[in-house]
C-alpha atoms as a PDB file:
ATOM      1  CA  UNK A   1      86.335  71.597  88.293  1.00  0.00           C
ATOM      2  CA  UNK A   2      89.436  70.410  90.126  1.00  0.00           C
ATOM      3  CA  UNK A   3      90.281  68.099  87.215  1.00  0.00           C
ATOM      4  CA  UNK A   4      89.920  70.983  84.781  1.00  0.00           C
ATOM      5  CA  UNK A   5      92.197  73.222  86.898  1.00  0.00           C
ATOM      6  CA  UNK A   6      94.739  70.406  87.206  1.00  0.00           C
ATOM      7  CA  UNK A   7      94.838  69.943  83.442  1.00  0.00           C
ATOM      8  CA  UNK A   8      95.212  73.671  82.893  1.00  0.00           C
ATOM      9  CA  UNK A   9      98.093  73.822  85.397  1.00  0.00           C
ATOM     10  CA  UNK A  10      99.838  70.886  83.698  1.00  0.00           C
ATOM     11  CA  UNK A  11      99.415  72.561  80.307  1.00  0.00           C
ATOM     12  CA  UNK A  12     100.832  75.856  81.614  1.00  0.00           C
ATOM     13  CA  UNK A  13     103.751  73.970  83.204  1.00  0.00           C
ATOM     14  CA  UNK A  14     104.351  72.258  79.866  1.00  0.00           C
ATOM     15  CA  UNK A  15     104.445  75.633  78.086  1.00  0.00           C
ATOM     16  CA  UNK A  16     106.931  77.032  80.643  1.00  0.00           C
ATOM     17  CA  UNK A  17     109.154  73.951  80.348  1.00  0.00           C
ATOM     18  CA  UNK A  18     109.094  74.231  76.560  1.00  0.00           C
ATOM     19  CA  UNK A  19     109.850  77.970  76.642  1.00  0.00           C
ATOM     20  CA  UNK A  20     112.803  77.437  79.004  1.00  0.00           C
ATOM     21  CA  UNK A  21     114.094  74.605  76.799  1.00  0.00           C
ATOM     22  CA  UNK A  22     113.888  76.803  73.702  1.00  0.00           C
ATOM     23  CA  UNK A  23     115.851  79.553  75.481  1.00  0.00           C
ATOM     24  CA  UNK A  24     118.578  77.045  76.403  1.00  0.00           C
ATOM     25  CA  UNK A  25     118.790  75.701  72.828  1.00  0.00           C
ATOM     26  CA  UNK A  26     118.844  79.128  71.165  1.00  0.00           C
ATOM     27  CA  UNK A  27     121.410  80.669  73.532  1.00  0.00           C
ATOM     28  CA  UNK A  28     123.687  77.621  73.278  1.00  0.00           C
ATOM     29  CA  UNK A  29     123.524  77.432  69.509  1.00  0.00           C
ATOM     30  CA  UNK A  30     123.818  81.142  68.734  1.00  0.00           C
ATOM     31  CA  UNK A  31     126.267  82.282  71.404  1.00  0.00           C
ATOM     32  CA  UNK A  32     128.024  79.475  73.297  1.00  0.00           C
ATOM     33  CA  UNK A  33     129.005  77.090  70.497  1.00  0.00           C
ATOM     34  CA  UNK A  34     130.341  79.687  67.992  1.00  0.00           C
ATOM     35  CA  UNK A  35     132.424  81.471  70.656  1.00  0.00           C
ATOM     36  CA  UNK A  36     133.602  78.331  72.516  1.00  0.00           C
ATOM     37  CA  UNK A  37     132.175  79.757  75.742  1.00  0.00           C
ATOM     38  CA  UNK A  38     132.467  77.107  78.457  1.00  0.00           C
ATOM     39  CA  UNK A  39     130.352  77.964  81.496  1.00  0.00           C
ATOM     40  CA  UNK A  40     130.163  74.415  82.784  1.00  0.00           C
ATOM     41  CA  UNK A  41     127.406  71.927  82.121  1.00  0.00           C
ATOM     42  CA  UNK A  42     127.262  69.285  79.421  1.00  0.00           C
ATOM     43  CA  UNK A  43     127.120  71.962  76.724  1.00  0.00           C
ATOM     44  CA  UNK A  44     130.392  73.384  78.018  1.00  0.00           C
ATOM     45  CA  UNK A  45     131.980  69.937  78.190  1.00  0.00           C
ATOM     46  CA  UNK A  46     130.813  69.145  74.660  1.00  0.00           C
ATOM     47  CA  UNK A  47     132.498  72.351  73.403  1.00  0.00           C
ATOM     48  CA  UNK A  48     135.793  71.310  75.034  1.00  0.00           C
ATOM     49  CA  UNK A  49     135.620  67.748  73.679  1.00  0.00           C
ATOM     50  CA  UNK A  50     134.589  69.018  70.249  1.00  0.00           C
ATOM     51  CA  UNK A  51     137.759  71.112  70.048  1.00  0.00           C
ATOM     52  CA  UNK A  52     139.946  68.319  71.452  1.00  0.00           C
ATOM     53  CA  UNK A  53     138.597  65.448  69.314  1.00  0.00           C
ATOM     54  CA  UNK A  54     137.102  67.190  66.277  1.00  0.00           C
ATOM     55  CA  UNK A  55     133.565  65.852  66.791  1.00  0.00           C
ATOM     56  CA  UNK A  56     130.369  67.905  66.487  1.00  0.00           C
ATOM     57  CA  UNK A  57     129.522  69.599  69.795  1.00  0.00           C
ATOM     58  CA  UNK A  58     125.790  68.929  69.346  1.00  0.00           C
ATOM     59  CA  UNK A  59     126.463  65.213  68.738  1.00  0.00           C
ATOM     60  CA  UNK A  60     128.625  64.996  71.855  1.00  0.00           C
ATOM     61  CA  UNK A  61     125.963  66.868  73.822  1.00  0.00           C
ATOM     62  CA  UNK A  62     123.334  64.344  72.696  1.00  0.00           C
ATOM     63  CA  UNK A  63     125.474  61.301  73.557  1.00  0.00           C
ATOM     64  CA  UNK A  64     126.627  62.546  76.981  1.00  0.00           C
ATOM     65  CA  UNK A  65     123.145  63.668  77.994  1.00  0.00           C
ATOM     66  CA  UNK A  66     121.700  60.319  76.906  1.00  0.00           C
ATOM     67  CA  UNK A  67     124.234  58.469  79.083  1.00  0.00           C
ATOM     68  CA  UNK A  68     123.534  60.717  82.062  1.00  0.00           C
ATOM     69  CA  UNK A  69     119.774  60.327  81.563  1.00  0.00           C
ATOM     70  CA  UNK A  70     120.073  56.544  81.787  1.00  0.00           C
ATOM     71  CA  UNK A  71     122.278  56.807  84.880  1.00  0.00           C
ATOM     72  CA  UNK A  72     119.870  59.306  86.426  1.00  0.00           C
ATOM     73  CA  UNK A  73     116.865  57.037  85.914  1.00  0.00           C
ATOM     74  CA  UNK A  74     118.679  53.934  87.214  1.00  0.00           C
ATOM     75  CA  UNK A  75     120.462  55.473  90.211  1.00  0.00           C
ATOM     76  CA  UNK A  76     118.421  58.481  91.289  1.00  0.00           C
ATOM     77  CA  UNK A  77     114.954  57.055  90.758  1.00  0.00           C
ATOM     78  CA  UNK A  78     112.183  59.450  91.818  1.00  0.00           C
ATOM     79  CA  UNK A  79     114.671  62.266  92.372  1.00  0.00           C
ATOM     80  CA  UNK A  80     115.159  62.303  88.636  1.00  0.00           C
ATOM     81  CA  UNK A  81     111.800  63.860  87.741  1.00  0.00           C
ATOM     82  CA  UNK A  82     109.941  63.652  84.432  1.00  0.00           C
ATOM     83  CA  UNK A  83     110.247  67.403  83.944  1.00  0.00           C
ATOM     84  CA  UNK A  84     114.044  67.174  83.846  1.00  0.00           C
ATOM     85  CA  UNK A  85     113.788  64.274  81.417  1.00  0.00           C
ATOM     86  CA  UNK A  86     111.593  66.335  79.065  1.00  0.00           C
ATOM     87  CA  UNK A  87     113.849  69.412  79.167  1.00  0.00           C
ATOM     88  CA  UNK A  88     116.998  67.343  78.583  1.00  0.00           C
ATOM     89  CA  UNK A  89     115.518  65.471  75.610  1.00  0.00           C
ATOM     90  CA  UNK A  90     114.094  68.678  74.108  1.00  0.00           C
ATOM     91  CA  UNK A  91     117.362  70.624  74.398  1.00  0.00           C
ATOM     92  CA  UNK A  92     119.652  67.842  73.139  1.00  0.00           C
ATOM     93  CA  UNK A  93     117.432  66.910  70.199  1.00  0.00           C
ATOM     94  CA  UNK A  94     116.894  70.593  69.418  1.00  0.00           C
ATOM     95  CA  UNK A  95     120.651  71.214  69.199  1.00  0.00           C
ATOM     96  CA  UNK A  96     121.077  68.177  66.953  1.00  0.00           C
ATOM     97  CA  UNK A  97     118.329  69.421  64.621  1.00  0.00           C
ATOM     98  CA  UNK A  98     119.907  72.889  64.426  1.00  0.00           C
ATOM     99  CA  UNK A  99     123.254  71.282  63.677  1.00  0.00           C
ATOM    100  CA  UNK A 100     121.705  69.780  60.531  1.00  0.00           C
ATOM    101  CA  UNK A 101     119.435  72.648  59.479  1.00  0.00           C
ATOM    102  CA  UNK A 102     121.460  75.736  60.460  1.00  0.00           C
ATOM    103  CA  UNK A 103     125.202  75.105  60.799  1.00  0.00           C
ATOM    104  CA  UNK A 104     127.082  77.983  62.438  1.00  0.00           C
ATOM    105  CA  UNK A 105     130.856  78.152  62.076  1.00  0.00           C
ATOM    106  CA  UNK A 106     131.591  81.634  63.425  1.00  0.00           C
ATOM    107  CA  UNK A 107     130.167  84.133  65.965  1.00  0.00           C
ATOM    108  CA  UNK A 108     127.226  86.287  64.965  1.00  0.00           C
ATOM    109  CA  UNK A 109     129.145  89.518  65.701  1.00  0.00           C
ATOM    110  CA  UNK A 110     132.671  90.753  66.288  1.00  0.00           C
ATOM    111  CA  UNK A 111     131.812  91.777  69.856  1.00  0.00           C
ATOM    112  CA  UNK A 112     132.569  88.867  72.232  1.00  0.00           C
ATOM    113  CA  UNK A 113     131.578  90.938  75.286  1.00  0.00           C
ATOM    114  CA  UNK A 114     128.045  91.413  73.941  1.00  0.00           C
ATOM    115  CA  UNK A 115     127.792  87.752  72.992  1.00  0.00           C
ATOM    116  CA  UNK A 116     128.981  86.541  76.391  1.00  0.00           C
ATOM    117  CA  UNK A 117     126.248  88.653  78.016  1.00  0.00           C
ATOM    118  CA  UNK A 118     123.569  86.933  75.942  1.00  0.00           C
ATOM    119  CA  UNK A 119     125.231  83.539  76.425  1.00  0.00           C
ATOM    120  CA  UNK A 120     125.022  84.059  80.184  1.00  0.00           C
ATOM    121  CA  UNK A 121     121.724  85.900  80.673  1.00  0.00           C
ATOM    122  CA  UNK A 122     119.386  83.806  78.509  1.00  0.00           C
ATOM    123  CA  UNK A 123     120.195  80.350  79.948  1.00  0.00           C
ATOM    124  CA  UNK A 124     120.380  81.814  83.463  1.00  0.00           C
ATOM    125  CA  UNK A 125     116.785  83.008  83.158  1.00  0.00           C
ATOM    126  CA  UNK A 126     115.803  79.629  81.685  1.00  0.00           C
ATOM    127  CA  UNK A 127     117.473  77.815  84.586  1.00  0.00           C
ATOM    128  CA  UNK A 128     115.657  80.078  87.058  1.00  0.00           C
ATOM    129  CA  UNK A 129     112.314  79.177  85.438  1.00  0.00           C
ATOM    130  CA  UNK A 130     113.158  75.477  85.643  1.00  0.00           C
ATOM    131  CA  UNK A 131     114.328  75.750  89.241  1.00  0.00           C
ATOM    132  CA  UNK A 132     111.098  77.515  90.157  1.00  0.00           C
ATOM    133  CA  UNK A 133     109.190  74.544  88.688  1.00  0.00           C
ATOM    134  CA  UNK A 134     111.296  71.967  90.570  1.00  0.00           C
ATOM    135  CA  UNK A 135     113.011  70.911  87.348  1.00  0.00           C
ATOM    136  CA  UNK A 136     116.468  71.250  85.827  1.00  0.00           C
ATOM    137  CA  UNK A 137     118.163  70.993  82.448  1.00  0.00           C
ATOM    138  CA  UNK A 138     119.834  67.694  83.357  1.00  0.00           C
ATOM    139  CA  UNK A 139     123.490  67.337  82.364  1.00  0.00           C
ATOM    140  CA  UNK A 140     125.894  68.083  85.190  1.00  0.00           C
ATOM    141  CA  UNK A 141     122.945  68.552  87.548  1.00  0.00           C
ATOM    142  CA  UNK A 142     122.708  64.763  87.459  1.00  0.00           C
ATOM    143  CA  UNK A 143     126.413  64.476  88.312  1.00  0.00           C
ATOM    144  CA  UNK A 144     125.857  66.859  91.213  1.00  0.00           C
ATOM    145  CA  UNK A 145     122.903  64.765  92.425  1.00  0.00           C
ATOM    146  CA  UNK A 146     125.113  61.656  92.336  1.00  0.00           C
ATOM    147  CA  UNK A 147     127.804  63.448  94.351  1.00  0.00           C
ATOM    148  CA  UNK A 148     125.194  64.554  96.867  1.00  0.00           C
ATOM    149  CA  UNK A 149     123.841  61.025  97.178  1.00  0.00           C
ATOM    150  CA  UNK A 150     127.178  59.304  97.745  1.00  0.00           C
ATOM    151  CA  UNK A 151     129.096  62.064  99.549  1.00  0.00           C
ATOM    152  CA  UNK A 152     128.359  64.664 102.215  1.00  0.00           C
ATOM    153  CA  UNK A 153     128.609  67.486  99.676  1.00  0.00           C
ATOM    154  CA  UNK A 154     125.725  69.958  99.306  1.00  0.00           C
ATOM    155  CA  UNK A 155     124.130  69.966  95.846  1.00  0.00           C
ATOM    156  CA  UNK A 156     124.828  73.689  95.263  1.00  0.00           C
ATOM    157  CA  UNK A 157     128.514  73.177  96.054  1.00  0.00           C
ATOM    158  CA  UNK A 158     128.606  70.038  93.907  1.00  0.00           C
ATOM    159  CA  UNK A 159     127.125  71.827  90.881  1.00  0.00           C
ATOM    160  CA  UNK A 160     129.557  74.729  91.229  1.00  0.00           C
ATOM    161  CA  UNK A 161     132.602  72.433  91.542  1.00  0.00           C
ATOM    162  CA  UNK A 162     131.596  70.352  88.501  1.00  0.00           C
ATOM    163  CA  UNK A 163     130.929  73.478  86.413  1.00  0.00           C
ATOM    164  CA  UNK A 164     134.148  75.131  87.601  1.00  0.00           C
ATOM    165  CA  UNK A 165     136.252  72.129  86.531  1.00  0.00           C
ATOM    166  CA  UNK A 166     134.654  72.160  83.075  1.00  0.00           C
ATOM    167  CA  UNK A 167     135.083  75.925  82.806  1.00  0.00           C
ATOM    168  CA  UNK A 168     138.759  75.812  83.792  1.00  0.00           C
ATOM    169  CA  UNK A 169     139.414  73.279  81.029  1.00  0.00           C
ATOM    170  CA  UNK A 170     138.753  76.089  78.526  1.00  0.00           C
ATOM    171  CA  UNK A 171     142.154  77.552  79.504  1.00  0.00           C
ATOM    172  CA  UNK A 172     143.834  74.311  78.388  1.00  0.00           C
ATOM    173  CA  UNK A 173     141.913  73.698  75.171  1.00  0.00           C
ATOM    174  CA  UNK A 174     141.293  77.236  73.926  1.00  0.00           C
ATOM    175  CA  UNK A 175     143.168  80.526  74.211  1.00  0.00           C
ATOM    176  CA  UNK A 176     143.515  82.515  77.430  1.00  0.00           C
ATOM    177  CA  UNK A 177     140.891  85.078  76.380  1.00  0.00           C
ATOM    178  CA  UNK A 178     138.252  82.379  75.833  1.00  0.00           C
ATOM    179  CA  UNK A 179     139.113  80.914  79.234  1.00  0.00           C
ATOM    180  CA  UNK A 180     138.669  84.284  80.935  1.00  0.00           C
ATOM    181  CA  UNK A 181     135.357  84.889  79.165  1.00  0.00           C
ATOM    182  CA  UNK A 182     134.179  81.443  80.239  1.00  0.00           C
ATOM    183  CA  UNK A 183     135.210  81.944  83.854  1.00  0.00           C
ATOM    184  CA  UNK A 184     133.544  85.357  83.954  1.00  0.00           C
ATOM    185  CA  UNK A 185     130.442  83.851  82.395  1.00  0.00           C
ATOM    186  CA  UNK A 186     130.232  81.152  85.062  1.00  0.00           C
ATOM    187  CA  UNK A 187     130.226  83.701  87.905  1.00  0.00           C
ATOM    188  CA  UNK A 188     127.831  86.020  86.063  1.00  0.00           C
ATOM    189  CA  UNK A 189     125.471  83.124  85.314  1.00  0.00           C
ATOM    190  CA  UNK A 190     125.254  82.302  89.014  1.00  0.00           C
ATOM    191  CA  UNK A 191     124.451  85.900  89.960  1.00  0.00           C
ATOM    192  CA  UNK A 192     121.869  86.396  87.206  1.00  0.00           C
ATOM    193  CA  UNK A 193     120.167  83.086  87.972  1.00  0.00           C
ATOM    194  CA  UNK A 194     119.894  83.944  91.678  1.00  0.00           C
ATOM    195  CA  UNK A 195     118.418  87.348  90.820  1.00  0.00           C
ATOM    196  CA  UNK A 196     115.963  85.850  88.338  1.00  0.00           C
ATOM    197  CA  UNK A 197     114.785  83.264  90.874  1.00  0.00           C
ATOM    198  CA  UNK A 198     114.229  86.014  93.445  1.00  0.00           C
ATOM    199  CA  UNK A 199     112.153  88.072  91.000  1.00  0.00           C
ATOM    200  CA  UNK A 200     110.082  85.132  89.758  1.00  0.00           C
ATOM    201  CA  UNK A 201     109.075  84.210  93.301  1.00  0.00           C
ATOM    202  CA  UNK A 202     108.768  87.760  94.624  1.00  0.00           C
ATOM    203  CA  UNK A 203     105.612  88.415  96.650  1.00  0.00           C
ATOM    204  CA  UNK A 204     104.392  91.282  98.825  1.00  0.00           C
ATOM    205  CA  UNK A 205     103.730  90.752 102.526  1.00  0.00           C
ATOM    206  CA  UNK A 206     101.230  93.278 103.935  1.00  0.00           C
ATOM    207  CA  UNK A 207     100.926  94.210 107.602  1.00  0.00           C
ATOM    208  CA  UNK A 208      97.871  96.474 107.788  1.00  0.00           C
ATOM    209  CA  UNK A 209      96.867  98.222 111.017  1.00  0.00           C
ATOM    210  CA  UNK A 210      93.335  99.601 110.874  1.00  0.00           C
ATOM    211  CA  UNK A 211      90.174 100.322 112.860  1.00  0.00           C
ATOM    212  CA  UNK A 212      87.937  99.168 109.997  1.00  0.00           C
ATOM    213  CA  UNK A 213      89.157  95.773 108.761  1.00  0.00           C
ATOM    214  CA  UNK A 214      85.920  94.429 107.219  1.00  0.00           C
ATOM    215  CA  UNK A 215      86.025  96.170 103.787  1.00  0.00           C
ATOM    216  CA  UNK A 216      89.721  95.357 103.476  1.00  0.00           C
ATOM    217  CA  UNK A 217      89.187  91.676 104.269  1.00  0.00           C
ATOM    218  CA  UNK A 218      86.144  91.530 101.978  1.00  0.00           C
ATOM    219  CA  UNK A 219      88.225  92.946  99.121  1.00  0.00           C
ATOM    220  CA  UNK A 220      91.019  90.448  99.776  1.00  0.00           C
ATOM    221  CA  UNK A 221      88.568  87.508  99.840  1.00  0.00           C
ATOM    222  CA  UNK A 222      86.074  88.457  97.134  1.00  0.00           C
ATOM    223  CA  UNK A 223      88.162  90.415  94.630  1.00  0.00           C
ATOM    224  CA  UNK A 224      91.716  89.133  95.042  1.00  0.00           C
ATOM    225  CA  UNK A 225      90.595  85.610  96.014  1.00  0.00           C
ATOM    226  CA  UNK A 226      93.125  85.358  98.810  1.00  0.00           C
ATOM    227  CA  UNK A 227      92.834  84.763 102.516  1.00  0.00           C
ATOM    228  CA  UNK A 228      94.199  86.821 105.373  1.00  0.00           C
ATOM    229  CA  UNK A 229      94.961  86.549 109.077  1.00  0.00           C
ATOM    230  CA  UNK A 230      93.643  89.101 111.571  1.00  0.00           C
ATOM    231  CA  UNK A 231      94.260  89.703 115.237  1.00  0.00           C
ATOM    232  CA  UNK A 232      93.476  92.413 117.748  1.00  0.00           C
ATOM    233  CA  UNK A 233      96.042  94.900 118.990  1.00  0.00           C
ATOM    234  CA  UNK A 234      96.192  98.092 121.040  1.00  0.00           C
ATOM    235  CA  UNK A 235      97.940 101.362 120.276  1.00  0.00           C
ATOM    236  CA  UNK A 236     100.776 101.940 122.753  1.00  0.00           C
ATOM    237  CA  UNK A 237     100.130 105.709 122.968  1.00  0.00           C
ATOM    238  CA  UNK A 238      96.375 106.095 122.484  1.00  0.00           C
ATOM    239  CA  UNK A 239      95.355 102.659 123.826  1.00  0.00           C
ATOM    240  CA  UNK A 240      92.841 102.521 121.003  1.00  0.00           C
ATOM    241  CA  UNK A 241      91.890  99.057 119.802  1.00  0.00           C
ATOM    242  CA  UNK A 242      93.221  98.223 116.383  1.00  0.00           C
ATOM    243  CA  UNK A 243      92.987  95.224 114.024  1.00  0.00           C
ATOM    244  CA  UNK A 244      96.073  93.919 112.286  1.00  0.00           C
ATOM    245  CA  UNK A 245      95.532  92.239 108.915  1.00  0.00           C
ATOM    246  CA  UNK A 246      98.287  90.003 107.527  1.00  0.00           C
ATOM    247  CA  UNK A 247      98.174  88.945 103.882  1.00  0.00           C
ATOM    248  CA  UNK A 248     100.636  87.774 101.228  1.00  0.00           C
ATOM    249  CA  UNK A 249      99.946  88.633  97.582  1.00  0.00           C
ATOM    250  CA  UNK A 250     101.501  88.425  94.177  1.00  0.00           C
ATOM    251  CA  UNK A 251     102.956  91.699  92.935  1.00  0.00           C
ATOM    252  CA  UNK A 252     100.052  92.456  90.578  1.00  0.00           C
ATOM    253  CA  UNK A 253      97.529  91.864  93.370  1.00  0.00           C
ATOM    254  CA  UNK A 254      99.539  93.991  95.793  1.00  0.00           C
ATOM    255  CA  UNK A 255      99.150  97.043  93.547  1.00  0.00           C
ATOM    256  CA  UNK A 256      95.355  96.701  93.603  1.00  0.00           C
ATOM    257  CA  UNK A 257      95.168  96.231  97.376  1.00  0.00           C
ATOM    258  CA  UNK A 258      97.382  99.208  98.095  1.00  0.00           C
ATOM    259  CA  UNK A 259      95.270 101.400  95.814  1.00  0.00           C
ATOM    260  CA  UNK A 260      92.033 100.133  97.350  1.00  0.00           C
ATOM    261  CA  UNK A 261      93.154 100.769 100.930  1.00  0.00           C
ATOM    262  CA  UNK A 262      94.314 104.252 100.008  1.00  0.00           C
ATOM    263  CA  UNK A 263      90.827 105.022  98.668  1.00  0.00           C
ATOM    264  CA  UNK A 264      88.568 103.502 101.356  1.00  0.00           C
ATOM    265  CA  UNK A 265      90.762 103.589 104.466  1.00  0.00           C
ATOM    266  CA  UNK A 266      93.377 106.369 104.070  1.00  0.00           C
ATOM    267  CA  UNK A 267      94.154 106.377 107.807  1.00  0.00           C
ATOM    268  CA  UNK A 268      95.258 102.724 107.781  1.00  0.00           C
ATOM    269  CA  UNK A 269      98.910 102.065 108.531  1.00  0.00           C
ATOM    270  CA  UNK A 270     100.590  99.706 106.042  1.00  0.00           C
ATOM    271  CA  UNK A 271     103.943  97.960 106.035  1.00  0.00           C
ATOM    272  CA  UNK A 272     104.731  96.230 102.727  1.00  0.00           C
ATOM    273  CA  UNK A 273     107.674  93.846 102.611  1.00  0.00           C
ATOM    274  CA  UNK A 274     109.243  91.953  99.701  1.00  0.00           C
ATOM    275  CA  UNK A 275     109.545  88.209 100.161  1.00  0.00           C
ATOM    276  CA  UNK A 276     110.547  85.424  97.759  1.00  0.00           C
ATOM    277  CA  UNK A 277     110.177  82.578 100.259  1.00  0.00           C
ATOM    278  CA  UNK A 278     106.448  82.058 100.765  1.00  0.00           C
ATOM    279  CA  UNK A 279     105.608  78.443 101.550  1.00  0.00           C
ATOM    280  CA  UNK A 280     102.069  77.222 101.932  1.00  0.00           C
ATOM    281  CA  UNK A 281      98.726  76.765 100.202  1.00  0.00           C
ATOM    282  CA  UNK A 282      98.398  78.946  97.109  1.00  0.00           C
ATOM    283  CA  UNK A 283     102.151  79.514  96.898  1.00  0.00           C
ATOM    284  CA  UNK A 284     105.067  77.061  97.005  1.00  0.00           C
ATOM    285  CA  UNK A 285     105.152  73.667  98.661  1.00  0.00           C
ATOM    286  CA  UNK A 286     107.825  72.323 100.986  1.00  0.00           C
ATOM    287  CA  UNK A 287     109.583  70.250  98.282  1.00  0.00           C
END
C-alpha cells in the first residue's frame, strides 16, 4: 500500500513539474521573446544576447542552460536536485522545438501592458509551483546557488541581484520603454510569486473550545482523516471545564469541519487562522 501511494505521489509530482514547465515555455515563447521582455533569468539573458549578437534566443537559452546544468551537477552535487534537471531540460528543449515549428517575429497584440502582465503572471505561478515542490527552473538559480556556496550572500538576495543585473541590461540593448517594462516586470514577478506561494500552501488552523469534543474529534479522524491535539481548560468567568481542540486542515477540509461544528455543536467557540507555514507529518517537511 505504501509503495502504491509512493508511486502515485511521484506521478502527481511529475504531472505538476510538467505543467509548470509548460507554463514557463508558453509564457516565454508567446510573451517574453516577441516583446524583448527581460525579467532576469537565462531566458532574459538569452533575449539580450540574441539582440546583441543576432543569434536565436532559444538556441542561446539551450546552450547557456546546458552549461549551467553541467556546472550545477559538478559543483553543487545533491543540492542540484533531479526535479530541477527535468524542468530545465523540458523548458530549454521545448523552446528549441517551438523555434523550429512556430517561429514568432512580432508580439501577439499591440498592447504591451497586457502582454507584460501575462509574461509576468504565468511564469511567476509556475515558479511558485516549483518552489512548493522543492524544485526550480534552473538557469540563474544555479548561479545564485554558487554565490551562496562561495560567499556569505543569502540565496534570495543572490537571485534578485543576478536577475536585476540582467534586467538592467535591457536599457543598454533595447529602447528605454522596453527597459522600463522589464524592470517593472521583475518587481511584479517577485510579488506575484510570493502571493502564489502563500496561496498554494495556505492552510486553516482551528482552535475550538467546546464542552463536547468527542463528535468533533471523531469527525476529524474518521471523515477528514486528520489528527488533532486536545487539552483541558477552564472558563475564566464561569469556571466551567472546557476542552480545546487544535487542528490544522487544508482549505477544502476546513469548510467541511466548520459546517459540521455549526450543525452538531453550535455553542462551540472557534478561532480560524490562515497559515502557510505548516511543518510536520502530513504537510511540509523541514527541507
